[in-house]
C-alpha atoms as a PDB file:
ATOM      1  CA  MET A   1      81.253 -41.037 -54.826  1.00  0.00           C
ATOM      2  CA  LEU A   2      77.690 -41.215 -57.297  1.00  0.00           C
ATOM      3  CA  GLU A   3      76.689 -40.164 -60.505  1.00  0.00           C
ATOM      4  CA  THR A   4      73.053 -39.107 -61.138  1.00  0.00           C
ATOM      5  CA  ARG A   5      71.582 -42.880 -61.301  1.00  0.00           C
ATOM      6  CA  ASP A   6      72.966 -44.354 -58.750  1.00  0.00           C
ATOM      7  CA  ILE A   7      71.396 -42.597 -56.496  1.00  0.00           C
ATOM      8  CA  GLN A   8      66.836 -43.074 -55.327  1.00  0.00           C
ATOM      9  CA  ILE A   9      65.134 -40.135 -55.108  1.00  0.00           C
ATOM     10  CA  ARG A  10      61.809 -38.848 -55.665  1.00  0.00           C
ATOM     11  CA  ASP A  11      60.652 -35.613 -56.146  1.00  0.00           C
ATOM     12  CA  PRO A  12      63.983 -33.532 -57.028  1.00  0.00           C
ATOM     13  CA  PHE A  13      64.572 -30.627 -55.789  1.00  0.00           C
ATOM     14  CA  ILE A  14      67.937 -28.241 -56.658  1.00  0.00           C
ATOM     15  CA  PHE A  15      69.388 -25.514 -54.855  1.00  0.00           C
ATOM     16  CA  VAL A  16      72.284 -23.704 -56.510  1.00  0.00           C
ATOM     17  CA  ASP A  17      75.321 -22.336 -54.117  1.00  0.00           C
ATOM     18  CA  HIS A  18      76.443 -19.770 -56.421  1.00  0.00           C
ATOM     19  CA  GLU A  19      79.156 -19.458 -53.010  1.00  0.00           C
ATOM     20  CA  THR A  20      80.744 -22.498 -53.203  1.00  0.00           C
ATOM     21  CA  GLN A  21      79.817 -22.789 -57.842  1.00  0.00           C
ATOM     22  CA  SER A  22      78.436 -25.779 -57.000  1.00  0.00           C
ATOM     23  CA  TYR A  23      74.850 -27.752 -56.166  1.00  0.00           C
ATOM     24  CA  PHE A  24      72.269 -29.272 -54.085  1.00  0.00           C
ATOM     25  CA  MET A  25      70.479 -32.032 -54.650  1.00  0.00           C
ATOM     26  CA  PHE A  26      67.527 -32.711 -52.151  1.00  0.00           C
ATOM     27  CA  GLY A  27      64.553 -35.000 -52.482  1.00  0.00           C
ATOM     28  CA  THR A  28      62.191 -37.816 -50.882  1.00  0.00           C
ATOM     29  CA  THR A  29      65.290 -39.853 -50.697  1.00  0.00           C
ATOM     30  CA  ASP A  30      63.483 -43.151 -48.339  1.00  0.00           C
ATOM     31  CA  ARG A  31      64.152 -45.945 -49.963  1.00  0.00           C
ATOM     32  CA  ASP A  32      60.545 -46.438 -49.149  1.00  0.00           C
ATOM     33  CA  CYS A  33      58.638 -43.295 -48.304  1.00  0.00           C
ATOM     34  CA  TRP A  34      55.770 -45.332 -48.899  1.00  0.00           C
ATOM     35  CA  ARG A  35      55.147 -47.427 -46.222  1.00  0.00           C
ATOM     36  CA  GLY A  36      58.069 -47.354 -44.356  1.00  0.00           C
ATOM     37  CA  PRO A  37      58.476 -45.109 -41.733  1.00  0.00           C
ATOM     38  CA  GLY A  38      59.891 -42.052 -42.416  1.00  0.00           C
ATOM     39  CA  GLN A  39      64.362 -41.296 -42.191  1.00  0.00           C
ATOM     40  CA  GLY A  40      65.082 -38.662 -42.746  1.00  0.00           C
ATOM     41  CA  PHE A  41      65.874 -36.657 -45.640  1.00  0.00           C
ATOM     42  CA  ASP A  42      69.496 -36.766 -47.438  1.00  0.00           C
ATOM     43  CA  CYS A  43      71.087 -34.671 -50.129  1.00  0.00           C
ATOM     44  CA  TYR A  44      74.251 -34.470 -52.228  1.00  0.00           C
ATOM     45  CA  ARG A  45      76.213 -31.862 -53.686  1.00  0.00           C
ATOM     46  CA  SER A  46      77.652 -31.100 -57.288  1.00  0.00           C
ATOM     47  CA  GLU A  47      80.119 -28.809 -59.646  1.00  0.00           C
ATOM     48  CA  ASP A  48      78.303 -30.397 -62.636  1.00  0.00           C
ATOM     49  CA  LEU A  49      75.221 -32.184 -62.080  1.00  0.00           C
ATOM     50  CA  GLN A  50      76.385 -35.511 -62.996  1.00  0.00           C
ATOM     51  CA  ILE A  51      78.891 -36.910 -60.229  1.00  0.00           C
ATOM     52  CA  TRP A  52      77.463 -36.437 -56.299  1.00  0.00           C
ATOM     53  CA  ASP A  53      79.096 -36.279 -52.899  1.00  0.00           C
ATOM     54  CA  GLY A  54      77.059 -37.617 -50.255  1.00  0.00           C
ATOM     55  CA  PRO A  55      74.817 -39.258 -49.201  1.00  0.00           C
ATOM     56  CA  ILE A  56      74.507 -35.803 -46.740  1.00  0.00           C
ATOM     57  CA  PRO A  57      72.179 -36.000 -43.291  1.00  0.00           C
ATOM     58  CA  ALA A  58      69.620 -32.857 -44.342  1.00  0.00           C
ATOM     59  CA  PHE A  59      66.998 -33.833 -41.852  1.00  0.00           C
ATOM     60  CA  ARG A  60      66.546 -37.340 -39.312  1.00  0.00           C
ATOM     61  CA  PRO A  61      63.850 -36.340 -36.982  1.00  0.00           C
ATOM     62  CA  PRO A  62      63.928 -35.198 -33.555  1.00  0.00           C
ATOM     63  CA  SER A  63      61.933 -37.907 -31.338  1.00  0.00           C
ATOM     64  CA  ASP A  64      59.370 -36.242 -30.189  1.00  0.00           C
ATOM     65  CA  PHE A  65      58.850 -35.167 -34.045  1.00  0.00           C
ATOM     66  CA  TRP A  66      55.319 -35.857 -35.381  1.00  0.00           C
ATOM     67  CA  ALA A  67      55.329 -37.870 -37.935  1.00  0.00           C
ATOM     68  CA  GLU A  68      55.582 -41.192 -38.410  1.00  0.00           C
ATOM     69  CA  LYS A  69      56.196 -41.686 -42.329  1.00  0.00           C
ATOM     70  CA  ASN A  70      55.697 -40.298 -46.000  1.00  0.00           C
ATOM     71  CA  PHE A  71      58.309 -37.964 -45.509  1.00  0.00           C
ATOM     72  CA  TRP A  72      58.114 -36.774 -48.786  1.00  0.00           C
ATOM     73  CA  ALA A  73      59.165 -33.854 -51.307  1.00  0.00           C
ATOM     74  CA  PRO A  74      61.679 -30.886 -49.444  1.00  0.00           C
ATOM     75  CA  GLU A  75      61.951 -28.002 -51.331  1.00  0.00           C
ATOM     76  CA  VAL A  76      65.208 -25.614 -49.640  1.00  0.00           C
ATOM     77  CA  HIS A  77      65.330 -22.294 -49.925  1.00  0.00           C
ATOM     78  CA  ARG A  78      66.547 -19.348 -48.483  1.00  0.00           C
ATOM     79  CA  PHE A  79      64.984 -16.456 -47.281  1.00  0.00           C
ATOM     80  CA  ASN A  80      65.474 -13.291 -45.241  1.00  0.00           C
ATOM     81  CA  GLY A  81      69.386 -14.741 -44.644  1.00  0.00           C
ATOM     82  CA  ARG A  82      68.541 -18.000 -44.044  1.00  0.00           C
ATOM     83  CA  PHE A  83      67.703 -21.869 -45.301  1.00  0.00           C
ATOM     84  CA  TYR A  84      64.022 -23.020 -45.316  1.00  0.00           C
ATOM     85  CA  MET A  85      62.691 -26.533 -45.726  1.00  0.00           C
ATOM     86  CA  PHE A  86      59.389 -27.056 -47.002  1.00  0.00           C
ATOM     87  CA  ALA A  87      58.395 -30.764 -46.489  1.00  0.00           C
ATOM     88  CA  THR A  88      55.749 -32.627 -46.131  1.00  0.00           C
ATOM     89  CA  PHE A  89      55.140 -35.657 -43.488  1.00  0.00           C
ATOM     90  CA  ILE A  90      52.174 -37.296 -41.810  1.00  0.00           C
ATOM     91  CA  ALA A  91      50.323 -39.559 -38.855  1.00  0.00           C
ATOM     92  CA  GLU A  92      48.358 -41.791 -37.758  1.00  0.00           C
ATOM     93  CA  GLY A  93      45.318 -39.678 -37.379  1.00  0.00           C
ATOM     94  CA  ARG A  94      46.721 -36.462 -38.366  1.00  0.00           C
ATOM     95  CA  LEU A  95      46.649 -35.398 -41.995  1.00  0.00           C
ATOM     96  CA  ARG A  96      49.262 -34.777 -44.215  1.00  0.00           C
ATOM     97  CA  GLY A  97      50.643 -31.513 -44.284  1.00  0.00           C
ATOM     98  CA  THR A  98      53.844 -29.287 -45.572  1.00  0.00           C
ATOM     99  CA  GLN A  99      56.114 -28.401 -42.566  1.00  0.00           C
ATOM    100  CA  ILE A 100      58.874 -25.655 -42.730  1.00  0.00           C
ATOM    101  CA  LEU A 101      62.404 -26.367 -40.791  1.00  0.00           C
ATOM    102  CA  THR A 102      65.267 -23.959 -40.584  1.00  0.00           C
ATOM    103  CA  ALA A 103      68.805 -25.080 -40.729  1.00  0.00           C
ATOM    104  CA  ASP A 104      72.196 -22.022 -40.650  1.00  0.00           C
ATOM    105  CA  GLU A 105      73.731 -23.986 -43.650  1.00  0.00           C
ATOM    106  CA  VAL A 106      72.112 -24.495 -47.166  1.00  0.00           C
ATOM    107  CA  SER A 107      72.809 -29.074 -46.291  1.00  0.00           C
ATOM    108  CA  GLY A 108      71.864 -28.930 -42.747  1.00  0.00           C
ATOM    109  CA  PRO A 109      70.932 -30.132 -40.006  1.00  0.00           C
ATOM    110  CA  TYR A 110      67.747 -28.763 -40.473  1.00  0.00           C
ATOM    111  CA  ALA A 111      65.543 -28.515 -37.596  1.00  0.00           C
ATOM    112  CA  PRO A 112      61.505 -28.162 -37.525  1.00  0.00           C
ATOM    113  CA  LEU A 113      60.966 -24.521 -36.385  1.00  0.00           C
ATOM    114  CA  THR A 114      57.904 -25.346 -35.530  1.00  0.00           C
ATOM    115  CA  GLY A 115      55.261 -27.381 -33.561  1.00  0.00           C
ATOM    116  CA  GLY A 116      54.093 -28.610 -37.026  1.00  0.00           C
ATOM    117  CA  PRO A 117      52.753 -27.981 -40.393  1.00  0.00           C
ATOM    118  CA  ILE A 118      52.164 -24.737 -41.406  1.00  0.00           C
ATOM    119  CA  THR A 119      49.192 -25.541 -43.838  1.00  0.00           C
ATOM    120  CA  PRO A 120      45.890 -25.974 -42.654  1.00  0.00           C
ATOM    121  CA  ARG A 121      45.001 -28.566 -39.435  1.00  0.00           C
ATOM    122  CA  HIS A 122      42.000 -30.206 -41.180  1.00  0.00           C
ATOM    123  CA  TRP A 123      43.135 -29.677 -44.845  1.00  0.00           C
ATOM    124  CA  GLN A 124      45.173 -33.303 -46.752  1.00  0.00           C
ATOM    125  CA  CYS A 125      47.882 -31.255 -47.975  1.00  0.00           C
ATOM    126  CA  LEU A 126      50.936 -31.531 -49.941  1.00  0.00           C
ATOM    127  CA  ASP A 127      53.795 -30.748 -51.528  1.00  0.00           C
ATOM    128  CA  GLY A 128      54.560 -26.593 -49.853  1.00  0.00           C
ATOM    129  CA  THR A 129      56.717 -24.504 -51.905  1.00  0.00           C
ATOM    130  CA  LEU A 130      57.385 -20.950 -51.389  1.00  0.00           C
ATOM    131  CA  HIS A 131      56.488 -17.490 -53.453  1.00  0.00           C
ATOM    132  CA  VAL A 132      58.083 -14.304 -52.455  1.00  0.00           C
ATOM    133  CA  ASP A 133      56.080 -11.795 -53.954  1.00  0.00           C
ATOM    134  CA  ALA A 134      56.979  -8.285 -55.766  1.00  0.00           C
ATOM    135  CA  SER A 135      56.307  -6.928 -52.020  1.00  0.00           C
ATOM    136  CA  GLY A 136      58.348  -8.904 -50.528  1.00  0.00           C
ATOM    137  CA  ASP A 137      56.050 -11.280 -48.850  1.00  0.00           C
ATOM    138  CA  PRO A 138      56.327 -14.744 -48.364  1.00  0.00           C
ATOM    139  CA  TRP A 139      53.830 -17.469 -49.404  1.00  0.00           C
ATOM    140  CA  ILE A 140      52.900 -20.826 -49.670  1.00  0.00           C
ATOM    141  CA  VAL A 141      51.904 -23.009 -52.387  1.00  0.00           C
ATOM    142  CA  PHE A 142      50.822 -26.096 -52.159  1.00  0.00           C
ATOM    143  CA  CYS A 143      48.209 -28.865 -53.228  1.00  0.00           C
ATOM    144  CA  HIS A 144      44.927 -29.721 -50.701  1.00  0.00           C
ATOM    145  CA  GLU A 145      45.397 -33.180 -52.224  1.00  0.00           C
ATOM    146  CA  TRP A 146      42.761 -35.267 -54.557  1.00  0.00           C
ATOM    147  CA  VAL A 147      41.844 -37.945 -51.242  1.00  0.00           C
ATOM    148  CA  GLN A 148      39.596 -35.314 -49.645  1.00  0.00           C
ATOM    149  CA  LEU A 149      38.359 -32.998 -52.135  1.00  0.00           C
ATOM    150  CA  HIS A 150      38.376 -36.013 -55.509  1.00  0.00           C
ATOM    151  CA  ASP A 151      39.067 -32.869 -57.613  1.00  0.00           C
ATOM    152  CA  GLY A 152      42.424 -31.423 -56.024  1.00  0.00           C
ATOM    153  CA  SER A 153      43.898 -27.837 -56.523  1.00  0.00           C
ATOM    154  CA  ILE A 154      46.248 -25.713 -56.020  1.00  0.00           C
ATOM    155  CA  CYS A 155      46.157 -23.046 -53.329  1.00  0.00           C
ATOM    156  CA  ALA A 156      48.096 -19.332 -52.293  1.00  0.00           C
ATOM    157  CA  MET A 157      48.084 -18.683 -48.170  1.00  0.00           C
ATOM    158  CA  LYS A 158      49.995 -15.792 -47.567  1.00  0.00           C
ATOM    159  CA  LEU A 159      52.451 -16.253 -44.366  1.00  0.00           C
ATOM    160  CA  SER A 160      54.586 -13.455 -41.373  1.00  0.00           C
ATOM    161  CA  PRO A 161      58.155 -12.841 -41.994  1.00  0.00           C
ATOM    162  CA  ASP A 162      58.719 -15.335 -39.990  1.00  0.00           C
ATOM    163  CA  LEU A 163      57.178 -18.295 -41.651  1.00  0.00           C
ATOM    164  CA  LYS A 164      55.644 -19.668 -38.201  1.00  0.00           C
ATOM    165  CA  GLU A 165      52.304 -18.559 -38.682  1.00  0.00           C
ATOM    166  CA  ALA A 166      49.356 -18.124 -42.204  1.00  0.00           C
ATOM    167  CA  ALA A 167      49.273 -14.288 -43.504  1.00  0.00           C
ATOM    168  CA  GLY A 168      45.979 -14.834 -43.836  1.00  0.00           C
ATOM    169  CA  ARG A 169      43.502 -17.283 -44.940  1.00  0.00           C
ATOM    170  CA  PRO A 170      43.802 -19.869 -47.946  1.00  0.00           C
ATOM    171  CA  VAL A 171      43.504 -18.407 -51.681  1.00  0.00           C
ATOM    172  CA  PHE A 172      42.221 -21.581 -53.755  1.00  0.00           C
ATOM    173  CA  LEU A 173      44.054 -20.545 -57.136  1.00  0.00           C
ATOM    174  CA  PHE A 174      42.632 -23.872 -59.510  1.00  0.00           C
ATOM    175  CA  ASN A 175      41.329 -27.280 -59.771  1.00  0.00           C
ATOM    176  CA  ALA A 176      43.649 -29.700 -61.483  1.00  0.00           C
ATOM    177  CA  SER A 177      40.786 -30.452 -63.878  1.00  0.00           C
ATOM    178  CA  GLU A 178      40.239 -26.971 -65.172  1.00  0.00           C
ATOM    179  CA  ALA A 179      43.565 -28.110 -67.504  1.00  0.00           C
ATOM    180  CA  PRO A 180      43.141 -30.379 -70.944  1.00  0.00           C
ATOM    181  CA  TRP A 181      45.933 -32.091 -70.578  1.00  0.00           C
ATOM    182  CA  VAL A 182      45.033 -33.371 -67.421  1.00  0.00           C
ATOM    183  CA  ARG A 183      42.660 -36.802 -67.089  1.00  0.00           C
ATOM    184  CA  GLU A 184      40.493 -39.109 -64.224  1.00  0.00           C
ATOM    185  CA  PHE A 185      43.527 -40.368 -62.237  1.00  0.00           C
ATOM    186  CA  GLU A 186      42.658 -44.566 -62.438  1.00  0.00           C
ATOM    187  CA  ARG A 187      43.938 -45.658 -59.473  1.00  0.00           C
ATOM    188  CA  ARG A 188      41.752 -44.187 -57.299  1.00  0.00           C
ATOM    189  CA  ASN A 189      40.157 -47.196 -55.700  1.00  0.00           C
ATOM    190  CA  GLU A 190      43.146 -48.698 -55.139  1.00  0.00           C
ATOM    191  CA  VAL A 191      44.536 -45.440 -52.703  1.00  0.00           C
ATOM    192  CA  ALA A 192      41.869 -44.077 -52.075  1.00  0.00           C
ATOM    193  CA  LYS A 193      38.584 -46.304 -52.045  1.00  0.00           C
ATOM    194  CA  LEU A 194      36.702 -43.406 -54.249  1.00  0.00           C
ATOM    195  CA  ARG A 195      33.965 -44.360 -55.995  1.00  0.00           C
ATOM    196  CA  PHE A 196      34.295 -41.180 -58.364  1.00  0.00           C
ATOM    197  CA  PRO A 197      36.348 -39.552 -60.888  1.00  0.00           C
ATOM    198  CA  ALA A 198      39.202 -38.178 -58.609  1.00  0.00           C
ATOM    199  CA  TYR A 199      41.931 -35.321 -60.582  1.00  0.00           C
ATOM    200  CA  VAL A 200      45.394 -34.907 -58.625  1.00  0.00           C
ATOM    201  CA  THR A 201      47.670 -32.194 -58.019  1.00  0.00           C
ATOM    202  CA  ASP A 202      51.273 -32.448 -57.733  1.00  0.00           C
ATOM    203  CA  GLY A 203      54.184 -30.796 -57.422  1.00  0.00           C
ATOM    204  CA  PRO A 204      53.539 -27.108 -58.107  1.00  0.00           C
ATOM    205  CA  PHE A 205      57.113 -24.315 -58.381  1.00  0.00           C
ATOM    206  CA  LEU A 206      56.923 -21.162 -59.753  1.00  0.00           C
ATOM    207  CA  HIS A 207      59.121 -19.375 -61.483  1.00  0.00           C
ATOM    208  CA  ARG A 208      59.251 -15.884 -63.482  1.00  0.00           C
ATOM    209  CA  THR A 209      60.225 -15.461 -66.745  1.00  0.00           C
ATOM    210  CA  GLN A 210      62.249 -12.862 -67.971  1.00  0.00           C
ATOM    211  CA  ASP A 211      59.431 -10.592 -69.361  1.00  0.00           C
ATOM    212  CA  GLY A 212      57.699 -11.414 -66.338  1.00  0.00           C
ATOM    213  CA  THR A 213      55.805 -13.447 -66.460  1.00  0.00           C
ATOM    214  CA  LEU A 214      54.705 -15.743 -63.474  1.00  0.00           C
ATOM    215  CA  LEU A 215      54.476 -19.301 -64.377  1.00  0.00           C
ATOM    216  CA  MET A 216      53.844 -22.553 -62.629  1.00  0.00           C
ATOM    217  CA  LEU A 217      55.553 -25.975 -62.657  1.00  0.00           C
ATOM    218  CA  TRP A 218      52.821 -29.099 -61.941  1.00  0.00           C
ATOM    219  CA  SER A 219      52.267 -32.784 -62.230  1.00  0.00           C
ATOM    220  CA  SER A 220      48.866 -34.538 -62.602  1.00  0.00           C
ATOM    221  CA  PHE A 221      47.629 -37.809 -64.636  1.00  0.00           C
ATOM    222  CA  GLY A 222      47.641 -37.580 -69.133  1.00  0.00           C
ATOM    223  CA  ASP A 223      47.242 -40.063 -71.523  1.00  0.00           C
ATOM    224  CA  ARG A 224      50.866 -41.505 -71.004  1.00  0.00           C
ATOM    225  CA  GLY A 225      50.609 -41.757 -67.452  1.00  0.00           C
ATOM    226  CA  TYR A 226      52.581 -39.558 -65.143  1.00  0.00           C
ATOM    227  CA  ALA A 227      52.789 -36.068 -65.914  1.00  0.00           C
ATOM    228  CA  MET A 228      53.772 -32.184 -65.903  1.00  0.00           C
ATOM    229  CA  GLY A 229      51.976 -29.121 -67.069  1.00  0.00           C
ATOM    230  CA  VAL A 230      52.732 -25.988 -66.695  1.00  0.00           C
ATOM    231  CA  SER A 231      49.692 -22.830 -65.655  1.00  0.00           C
ATOM    232  CA  ARG A 232      50.191 -18.764 -66.473  1.00  0.00           C
ATOM    233  CA  SER A 233      49.271 -16.029 -64.195  1.00  0.00           C
ATOM    234  CA  GLN A 234      47.212 -12.947 -66.399  1.00  0.00           C
ATOM    235  CA  ASN A 235      47.986 -10.944 -63.967  1.00  0.00           C
ATOM    236  CA  GLY A 236      51.631 -11.773 -62.757  1.00  0.00           C
ATOM    237  CA  GLU A 237      50.628 -11.810 -59.955  1.00  0.00           C
ATOM    238  CA  ILE A 238      49.643 -15.320 -57.454  1.00  0.00           C
ATOM    239  CA  THR A 239      46.292 -15.016 -56.692  1.00  0.00           C
ATOM    240  CA  GLY A 240      45.190 -14.507 -60.274  1.00  0.00           C
ATOM    241  CA  LEU A 241      43.495 -16.382 -62.403  1.00  0.00           C
ATOM    242  CA  TRP A 242      45.396 -19.485 -64.236  1.00  0.00           C
ATOM    243  CA  GLN A 243      45.759 -19.155 -67.729  1.00  0.00           C
ATOM    244  CA  HIS A 244      46.700 -23.485 -68.450  1.00  0.00           C
ATOM    245  CA  ASP A 245      48.287 -24.320 -71.276  1.00  0.00           C
ATOM    246  CA  PRO A 246      46.972 -27.194 -73.781  1.00  0.00           C
ATOM    247  CA  GLU A 247      49.743 -30.054 -74.080  1.00  0.00           C
ATOM    248  CA  PRO A 248      51.858 -30.936 -70.898  1.00  0.00           C
ATOM    249  CA  LEU A 249      55.903 -29.911 -71.121  1.00  0.00           C
ATOM    250  CA  TRP A 250      56.436 -33.521 -70.300  1.00  0.00           C
ATOM    251  CA  ALA A 251      53.362 -36.054 -70.995  1.00  0.00           C
ATOM    252  CA  GLU A 252      55.373 -39.388 -70.160  1.00  0.00           C
ATOM    253  CA  ASP A 253      56.524 -40.917 -66.945  1.00  0.00           C
ATOM    254  CA  GLY A 254      57.732 -38.144 -65.710  1.00  0.00           C
ATOM    255  CA  GLY A 255      56.911 -35.568 -62.859  1.00  0.00           C
ATOM    256  CA  HIS A 256      57.458 -33.335 -59.715  1.00  0.00           C
ATOM    257  CA  GLY A 257      60.102 -31.394 -61.201  1.00  0.00           C
ATOM    258  CA  MET A 258      61.167 -27.384 -60.996  1.00  0.00           C
ATOM    259  CA  VAL A 259      63.079 -24.785 -63.002  1.00  0.00           C
ATOM    260  CA  PHE A 260      66.872 -23.709 -61.880  1.00  0.00           C
ATOM    261  CA  ARG A 261      69.905 -21.186 -64.059  1.00  0.00           C
ATOM    262  CA  THR A 262      72.579 -23.170 -63.859  1.00  0.00           C
ATOM    263  CA  LEU A 263      76.297 -21.920 -62.891  1.00  0.00           C
ATOM    264  CA  ASP A 264      76.066 -21.005 -66.660  1.00  0.00           C
ATOM    265  CA  GLY A 265      73.312 -19.891 -67.102  1.00  0.00           C
ATOM    266  CA  ARG A 266      71.255 -22.442 -69.316  1.00  0.00           C
ATOM    267  CA  LEU A 267      67.573 -22.879 -67.577  1.00  0.00           C
ATOM    268  CA  MET A 268      66.969 -26.206 -66.470  1.00  0.00           C
ATOM    269  CA  LEU A 269      64.246 -29.234 -65.787  1.00  0.00           C
ATOM    270  CA  THR A 270      65.012 -31.501 -62.885  1.00  0.00           C
ATOM    271  CA  PHE A 271      61.931 -34.144 -62.752  1.00  0.00           C
ATOM    272  CA  HIS A 272      62.030 -38.062 -60.924  1.00  0.00           C
ATOM    273  CA  ARG A 273      61.548 -41.133 -63.953  1.00  0.00           C
ATOM    274  CA  PRO A 274      59.853 -43.583 -64.146  1.00  0.00           C
ATOM    275  CA  ASN A 275      57.444 -43.231 -61.555  1.00  0.00           C
ATOM    276  CA  HIS A 276      58.021 -46.718 -60.082  1.00  0.00           C
ATOM    277  CA  THR A 277      60.125 -46.997 -56.418  1.00  0.00           C
ATOM    278  CA  PRO A 278      62.301 -48.795 -56.790  1.00  0.00           C
ATOM    279  CA  ASP A 279      63.656 -47.129 -59.858  1.00  0.00           C
ATOM    280  CA  GLU A 280      62.709 -43.116 -59.522  1.00  0.00           C
ATOM    281  CA  ARG A 281      65.759 -41.072 -60.963  1.00  0.00           C
ATOM    282  CA  ALA A 282      66.479 -36.873 -61.201  1.00  0.00           C
ATOM    283  CA  VAL A 283      66.088 -36.407 -64.788  1.00  0.00           C
ATOM    284  CA  PHE A 284      67.698 -33.396 -66.307  1.00  0.00           C
ATOM    285  CA  VAL A 285      66.391 -31.386 -69.464  1.00  0.00           C
ATOM    286  CA  GLU A 286      68.029 -28.033 -70.507  1.00  0.00           C
ATOM    287  CA  ILE A 287      64.778 -25.932 -71.217  1.00  0.00           C
ATOM    288  CA  VAL A 288      64.190 -22.504 -72.749  1.00  0.00           C
ATOM    289  CA  GLU A 289      61.847 -19.770 -72.321  1.00  0.00           C
ATOM    290  CA  LYS A 290      59.975 -18.271 -76.175  1.00  0.00           C
ATOM    291  CA  ASN A 291      56.882 -16.505 -76.452  1.00  0.00           C
ATOM    292  CA  SER A 292      56.459 -16.805 -72.464  1.00  0.00           C
ATOM    293  CA  ARG A 293      56.171 -20.330 -71.726  1.00  0.00           C
ATOM    294  CA  LEU A 294      58.911 -22.671 -71.679  1.00  0.00           C
ATOM    295  CA  GLN A 295      59.418 -25.278 -74.277  1.00  0.00           C
ATOM    296  CA  LEU A 296      62.161 -28.740 -74.324  1.00  0.00           C
ATOM    297  CA  ARG A 297      65.491 -27.573 -76.746  1.00  0.00           C
ATOM    298  CA  ALA A 298      65.230 -29.407 -79.584  1.00  0.00           C
END
């Protein structure tokens, strides 16, 4: 048994399993997710978000798997009766992208759904998440990365019902620099040898409020470092115009979050903090919806 503070994890994602009255936590779990070869993804099971069983091996790459490193940010969604994992990978000579994997059980083991990433082949992409629109059609929402664009963007792309291929062209939603709280990424030269301003998009997650407003939680860098902000669709659809809250929801040294309802109905935000390897841990903060916005509970 492990406590939350014992588990090194980035990009935590919670799947709430009402059938077993438990929570499954996924995330970036390689000890060195930046340089070392990718080992896979572990998950953890809990009944109270405090004490966890695990690690449970949710994904281990097969011998012919295309990716080599940067095994990042797995999310697990239930769609049409199966479990799907959206996760980011990269290999030498190939661009970073989001691959979809599938399993019969929420904890896995997960296997690749197709032979490669679902995101555009010639784009540097990461952090794909699943969005299902009002008609029941699946979309992937993902980041077109700043290392290729300099001003990172968030895009959406409709998928086929079996999630195996694109069902349309990527749709641009917004650039990082459009949000008032976002600041230039100071480490751009260290990371990508860029000689011009760079702005980061990271970790989009969609949440529809009880009054029907479609919100997007996403991360970048603000006045006090790694942070998370919230944007809202003006027409309630993924392709609508997006308006950005002027201040981040979480302003300092925490990010790549998601929102879920606990088994007793509370609205919860989880993210990793601090943003430094190997000290990252999952953080759980109760939030509320107020006037179509997300706020930290006082």
